[in-house]
C-alpha atoms as a PDB file:
ATOM      1  CA  MET A   1       2.501 -13.761 176.970  1.00  0.00           C
ATOM      2  CA  HIS A   2       2.670 -12.988 180.106  1.00  0.00           C
ATOM      3  CA  ILE A   3       0.992  -9.997 181.482  1.00  0.00           C
ATOM      4  CA  PRO A   4       2.475  -7.637 183.232  1.00  0.00           C
ATOM      5  CA  GLN A   5       6.093  -7.897 182.624  1.00  0.00           C
ATOM      6  CA  ARG A   6       8.863  -5.823 183.704  1.00  0.00           C
ATOM      7  CA  PRO A   7       9.822  -3.348 180.544  1.00  0.00           C
ATOM      8  CA  ARG A   8      13.138  -4.949 179.397  1.00  0.00           C
ATOM      9  CA  VAL A   9      15.342  -5.296 176.062  1.00  0.00           C
ATOM     10  CA  GLU A  10      16.568  -8.641 175.363  1.00  0.00           C
ATOM     11  CA  LEU A  11      19.076  -9.285 172.625  1.00  0.00           C
ATOM     12  CA  PHE A  12      18.915 -12.962 171.364  1.00  0.00           C
ATOM     13  CA  ASP A  13      21.340 -14.631 168.805  1.00  0.00           C
ATOM     14  CA  ASP A  14      18.002 -13.857 166.073  1.00  0.00           C
ATOM     15  CA  HIS A  15      16.247 -11.261 167.053  1.00  0.00           C
ATOM     16  CA  LEU A  16      15.513  -8.455 169.760  1.00  0.00           C
ATOM     17  CA  PHE A  17      13.001  -8.899 172.196  1.00  0.00           C
ATOM     18  CA  VAL A  18      11.237  -5.843 173.946  1.00  0.00           C
ATOM     19  CA  VAL A  19       8.441  -5.267 176.308  1.00  0.00           C
ATOM     20  CA  MET A  20       7.261  -1.802 177.921  1.00  0.00           C
ATOM     21  CA  ARG A  21       4.161  -0.038 178.596  1.00  0.00           C
ATOM     22  CA  MET A  22       2.037   2.183 176.581  1.00  0.00           C
ATOM     23  CA  MET A  23       0.263   4.685 178.269  1.00  0.00           C
ATOM     24  CA  GLN A  24      -2.200   7.289 176.832  1.00  0.00           C
ATOM     25  CA  LEU A  25      -4.972   9.410 178.401  1.00  0.00           C
ATOM     26  CA  ILE A  26      -8.630   8.630 177.716  1.00  0.00           C
ATOM     27  CA  GLN A  27     -11.682  11.155 178.660  1.00  0.00           C
ATOM     28  CA  ALA A  28     -13.021  10.445 181.830  1.00  0.00           C
ATOM     29  CA  GLU A  29     -15.519  12.255 184.394  1.00  0.00           C
ATOM     30  CA  PRO A  30     -14.984  15.894 185.738  1.00  0.00           C
ATOM     31  CA  ASN A  31     -12.537  15.657 188.698  1.00  0.00           C
ATOM     32  CA  ASN A  32     -14.236  16.419 192.270  1.00  0.00           C
ATOM     33  CA  ILE A  33     -11.936  18.952 193.400  1.00  0.00           C
ATOM     34  CA  ASN A  34     -13.344  21.654 191.632  1.00  0.00           C
ATOM     35  CA  ASN A  35     -15.754  19.785 189.360  1.00  0.00           C
ATOM     36  CA  THR A  36     -14.851  22.352 186.330  1.00  0.00           C
ATOM     37  CA  ALA A  37     -11.891  20.902 185.014  1.00  0.00           C
ATOM     38  CA  THR A  38     -12.229  17.461 182.906  1.00  0.00           C
ATOM     39  CA  ILE A  39      -9.584  15.198 183.795  1.00  0.00           C
ATOM     40  CA  LYS A  40      -8.495  11.760 181.649  1.00  0.00           C
ATOM     41  CA  ALA A  41      -7.874   8.913 182.893  1.00  0.00           C
ATOM     42  CA  LEU A  42      -4.874   6.852 182.285  1.00  0.00           C
ATOM     43  CA  ASP A  43      -5.069   3.878 179.804  1.00  0.00           C
ATOM     44  CA  SER A  44      -2.361   1.392 180.203  1.00  0.00           C
ATOM     45  CA  GLU A  45      -1.069  -1.532 178.308  1.00  0.00           C
ATOM     46  CA  GLN A  46       1.952  -4.108 177.705  1.00  0.00           C
ATOM     47  CA  VAL A  47       3.526  -3.958 174.283  1.00  0.00           C
ATOM     48  CA  SER A  48       5.454  -6.857 173.203  1.00  0.00           C
ATOM     49  CA  LEU A  49       7.706  -6.132 170.537  1.00  0.00           C
ATOM     50  CA  PHE A  50      10.155  -8.530 168.256  1.00  0.00           C
ATOM     51  CA  LEU A  51      12.504  -7.489 165.647  1.00  0.00           C
ATOM     52  CA  TYR A  52      14.382  -9.976 163.421  1.00  0.00           C
ATOM     53  CA  ASP A  53      16.500  -9.079 159.923  1.00  0.00           C
ATOM     54  CA  ASN A  54      13.338  -7.827 158.001  1.00  0.00           C
ATOM     55  CA  VAL A  55      10.682  -8.554 160.201  1.00  0.00           C
ATOM     56  CA  LEU A  56       9.072  -6.594 163.176  1.00  0.00           C
ATOM     57  CA  ILE A  57       6.262  -8.221 165.037  1.00  0.00           C
ATOM     58  CA  THR A  58       4.092  -6.388 168.079  1.00  0.00           C
ATOM     59  CA  PHE A  59       1.707  -7.414 170.379  1.00  0.00           C
ATOM     60  CA  GLN A  60      -0.709  -5.286 172.605  1.00  0.00           C
ATOM     61  CA  GLU A  61      -3.099  -6.263 175.231  1.00  0.00           C
ATOM     62  CA  LYS A  62      -6.324  -4.359 173.667  1.00  0.00           C
ATOM     63  CA  ARG A  63      -7.104  -2.438 170.378  1.00  0.00           C
ATOM     64  CA  GLY A  64      -6.382   1.008 169.976  1.00  0.00           C
ATOM     65  CA  ASP A  65      -2.857   2.529 170.221  1.00  0.00           C
ATOM     66  CA  VAL A  66      -0.512   5.751 169.837  1.00  0.00           C
ATOM     67  CA  TRP A  67       0.748   4.411 166.643  1.00  0.00           C
ATOM     68  CA  GLN A  68      -1.715   5.669 164.017  1.00  0.00           C
ATOM     69  CA  PRO A  69       0.527   8.350 162.832  1.00  0.00           C
ATOM     70  CA  ILE A  70       3.291   5.833 162.186  1.00  0.00           C
ATOM     71  CA  ARG A  71       0.625   3.629 160.231  1.00  0.00           C
ATOM     72  CA  ASP A  72      -0.445   6.798 158.037  1.00  0.00           C
ATOM     73  CA  TRP A  73       3.371   7.186 157.286  1.00  0.00           C
ATOM     74  CA  LEU A  74       3.443   4.014 155.875  1.00  0.00           C
ATOM     75  CA  GLN A  75       0.795   4.362 153.608  1.00  0.00           C
ATOM     76  CA  LYS A  76       2.491   7.295 151.932  1.00  0.00           C
ATOM     77  CA  ASP A  77       5.812   6.937 149.227  1.00  0.00           C
ATOM     78  CA  ASN A  78       9.036   8.383 149.436  1.00  0.00           C
ATOM     79  CA  VAL A  79       9.006   8.775 153.439  1.00  0.00           C
ATOM     80  CA  ARG A  80      11.744   8.055 155.592  1.00  0.00           C
ATOM     81  CA  ILE A  81      10.088   5.465 157.511  1.00  0.00           C
ATOM     82  CA  ARG A  82       9.374   3.342 154.258  1.00  0.00           C
ATOM     83  CA  LYS A  83      12.876   3.888 153.012  1.00  0.00           C
ATOM     84  CA  ASN A  84      14.680   2.506 156.270  1.00  0.00           C
ATOM     85  CA  GLY A  85      14.754  -0.982 157.900  1.00  0.00           C
ATOM     86  CA  THR A  86      12.437  -2.599 160.273  1.00  0.00           C
ATOM     87  CA  ASP A  87      15.283  -1.509 162.961  1.00  0.00           C
ATOM     88  CA  TYR A  88      14.044   2.257 162.130  1.00  0.00           C
ATOM     89  CA  LEU A  89      10.424   1.218 162.165  1.00  0.00           C
ATOM     90  CA  LEU A  90      11.054  -0.037 165.288  1.00  0.00           C
ATOM     91  CA  TYR A  91      12.523   3.062 166.813  1.00  0.00           C
ATOM     92  CA  ALA A  92       9.522   4.872 165.361  1.00  0.00           C
ATOM     93  CA  LEU A  93       7.084   3.022 167.402  1.00  0.00           C
ATOM     94  CA  LEU A  94       9.004   3.245 170.584  1.00  0.00           C
ATOM     95  CA  ASP A  95       9.539   6.805 170.158  1.00  0.00           C
ATOM     96  CA  ALA A  96       5.561   6.905 169.347  1.00  0.00           C
ATOM     97  CA  ILE A  97       4.907   5.279 173.021  1.00  0.00           C
ATOM     98  CA  VAL A  98       7.740   7.877 174.579  1.00  0.00           C
ATOM     99  CA  ASP A  99       6.025  10.733 173.230  1.00  0.00           C
ATOM    100  CA  HIS A 100       2.559   9.991 174.780  1.00  0.00           C
ATOM    101  CA  CYS A 101       4.161   9.512 178.390  1.00  0.00           C
ATOM    102  CA  PHE A 102       4.809  13.564 178.197  1.00  0.00           C
ATOM    103  CA  PRO A 103       0.801  14.299 178.366  1.00  0.00           C
ATOM    104  CA  VAL A 104       0.381  11.826 181.276  1.00  0.00           C
ATOM    105  CA  LEU A 105       3.087  13.253 183.243  1.00  0.00           C
ATOM    106  CA  GLU A 106       1.641  16.772 182.412  1.00  0.00           C
ATOM    107  CA  GLN A 107      -1.413  16.193 183.296  1.00  0.00           C
ATOM    108  CA  TYR A 108      -0.851  14.445 186.913  1.00  0.00           C
ATOM    109  CA  GLY A 109       1.562  17.514 187.349  1.00  0.00           C
ATOM    110  CA  ASP A 110      -1.246  19.715 186.838  1.00  0.00           C
ATOM    111  CA  VAL A 111      -3.628  17.434 189.129  1.00  0.00           C
ATOM    112  CA  LEU A 112      -0.800  17.817 191.986  1.00  0.00           C
ATOM    113  CA  GLU A 113      -0.626  21.602 191.608  1.00  0.00           C
ATOM    114  CA  GLU A 114      -4.409  22.104 192.040  1.00  0.00           C
ATOM    115  CA  LEU A 115      -4.787  19.601 194.771  1.00  0.00           C
ATOM    116  CA  GLU A 116      -1.596  21.799 196.445  1.00  0.00           C
ATOM    117  CA  GLN A 117      -3.998  24.881 195.739  1.00  0.00           C
ATOM    118  CA  VAL A 118      -7.119  23.745 197.157  1.00  0.00           C
ATOM    119  CA  THR A 119      -4.946  22.494 200.121  1.00  0.00           C
ATOM    120  CA  LEU A 120      -3.789  25.488 201.069  1.00  0.00           C
ATOM    121  CA  ASP A 121      -7.223  27.040 200.679  1.00  0.00           C
ATOM    122  CA  ASN A 122      -9.079  24.911 202.318  1.00  0.00           C
ATOM    123  CA  PRO A 123      -7.216  21.668 203.959  1.00  0.00           C
ATOM    124  CA  MET A 124     -10.004  19.763 205.842  1.00  0.00           C
ATOM    125  CA  GLU A 125     -13.357  19.982 204.068  1.00  0.00           C
ATOM    126  CA  LEU A 126     -12.552  19.842 200.456  1.00  0.00           C
ATOM    127  CA  VAL A 127      -9.560  17.682 200.349  1.00  0.00           C
ATOM    128  CA  LEU A 128     -10.477  14.833 203.056  1.00  0.00           C
ATOM    129  CA  ASN A 129     -13.545  14.234 201.023  1.00  0.00           C
ATOM    130  CA  SER A 130     -11.876  14.303 197.656  1.00  0.00           C
ATOM    131  CA  ASN A 131     -11.003  11.201 195.299  1.00  0.00           C
ATOM    132  CA  LEU A 132      -7.468  11.345 193.781  1.00  0.00           C
ATOM    133  CA  PRO A 133      -6.429   9.491 190.745  1.00  0.00           C
ATOM    134  CA  TYR A 134      -3.388   7.444 191.802  1.00  0.00           C
ATOM    135  CA  CYS A 135      -1.444   5.804 188.952  1.00  0.00           C
ATOM    136  CA  ASP A 136       1.554   3.426 189.408  1.00  0.00           C
ATOM    137  CA  ALA A 137       2.973   3.898 185.882  1.00  0.00           C
ATOM    138  CA  LEU A 138       5.534   1.368 186.837  1.00  0.00           C
ATOM    139  CA  PHE A 139       2.593  -1.619 187.020  1.00  0.00           C
ATOM    140  CA  GLY A 140       0.499   0.333 184.736  1.00  0.00           C
ATOM    141  CA  ARG A 141      -2.135   0.731 187.393  1.00  0.00           C
ATOM    142  CA  CYS A 142      -4.495   3.290 188.562  1.00  0.00           C
ATOM    143  CA  VAL A 143      -7.159   3.582 190.873  1.00  0.00           C
ATOM    144  CA  LYS A 144      -9.046   6.457 192.655  1.00  0.00           C
ATOM    145  CA  LEU A 145      -8.006   6.505 196.758  1.00  0.00           C
ATOM    146  CA  SER A 146     -10.293   8.316 199.294  1.00  0.00           C
ATOM    147  CA  ILE A 147      -8.162  10.894 201.201  1.00  0.00           C
ATOM    148  CA  ASN A 148     -10.167   9.811 204.275  1.00  0.00           C
ATOM    149  CA  SER A 149      -9.189   6.214 203.960  1.00  0.00           C
ATOM    150  CA  ILE A 150      -5.578   6.893 203.747  1.00  0.00           C
ATOM    151  CA  VAL A 151      -5.841   9.397 206.838  1.00  0.00           C
ATOM    152  CA  ARG A 152      -7.950   6.651 208.846  1.00  0.00           C
ATOM    153  CA  ARG A 153      -5.214   4.187 207.602  1.00  0.00           C
ATOM    154  CA  MET A 154      -2.218   6.156 208.866  1.00  0.00           C
ATOM    155  CA  VAL A 155      -3.337   7.339 212.329  1.00  0.00           C
ATOM    156  CA  ALA A 156      -5.116   3.829 213.273  1.00  0.00           C
END
């Protein structure tokens, strides 16, 4: 598997191929806007899934994922995920990945709201010396950007 690949679904004669990003929040340092709220860092990895008639194969970049509840369901008897086919299992895995995007969006919305308030309260001193989490969800990369460096590049 080549990493990174663009998210996509491809239908072949004998199988279905899916590539997408799996994102989840992991614990990180306190944010430096007000040093009270802890910010969670974005962990992103590429996931590839191959669906054949009765087989589903998944590949991940690293250990740990958002699929533990599905593994737990698979251990139980008489649950829908075991009664349906591998296509339903694929659906459940993709659904879990999508569901874990919402906390990511919520957190970064909260960070932007907090930054807006700080900017309105004290636009120069606090904000220009802050590092902001910046996430490029399309490529799954996160970096901390210094506002000072951004402003310097804009006026240079």
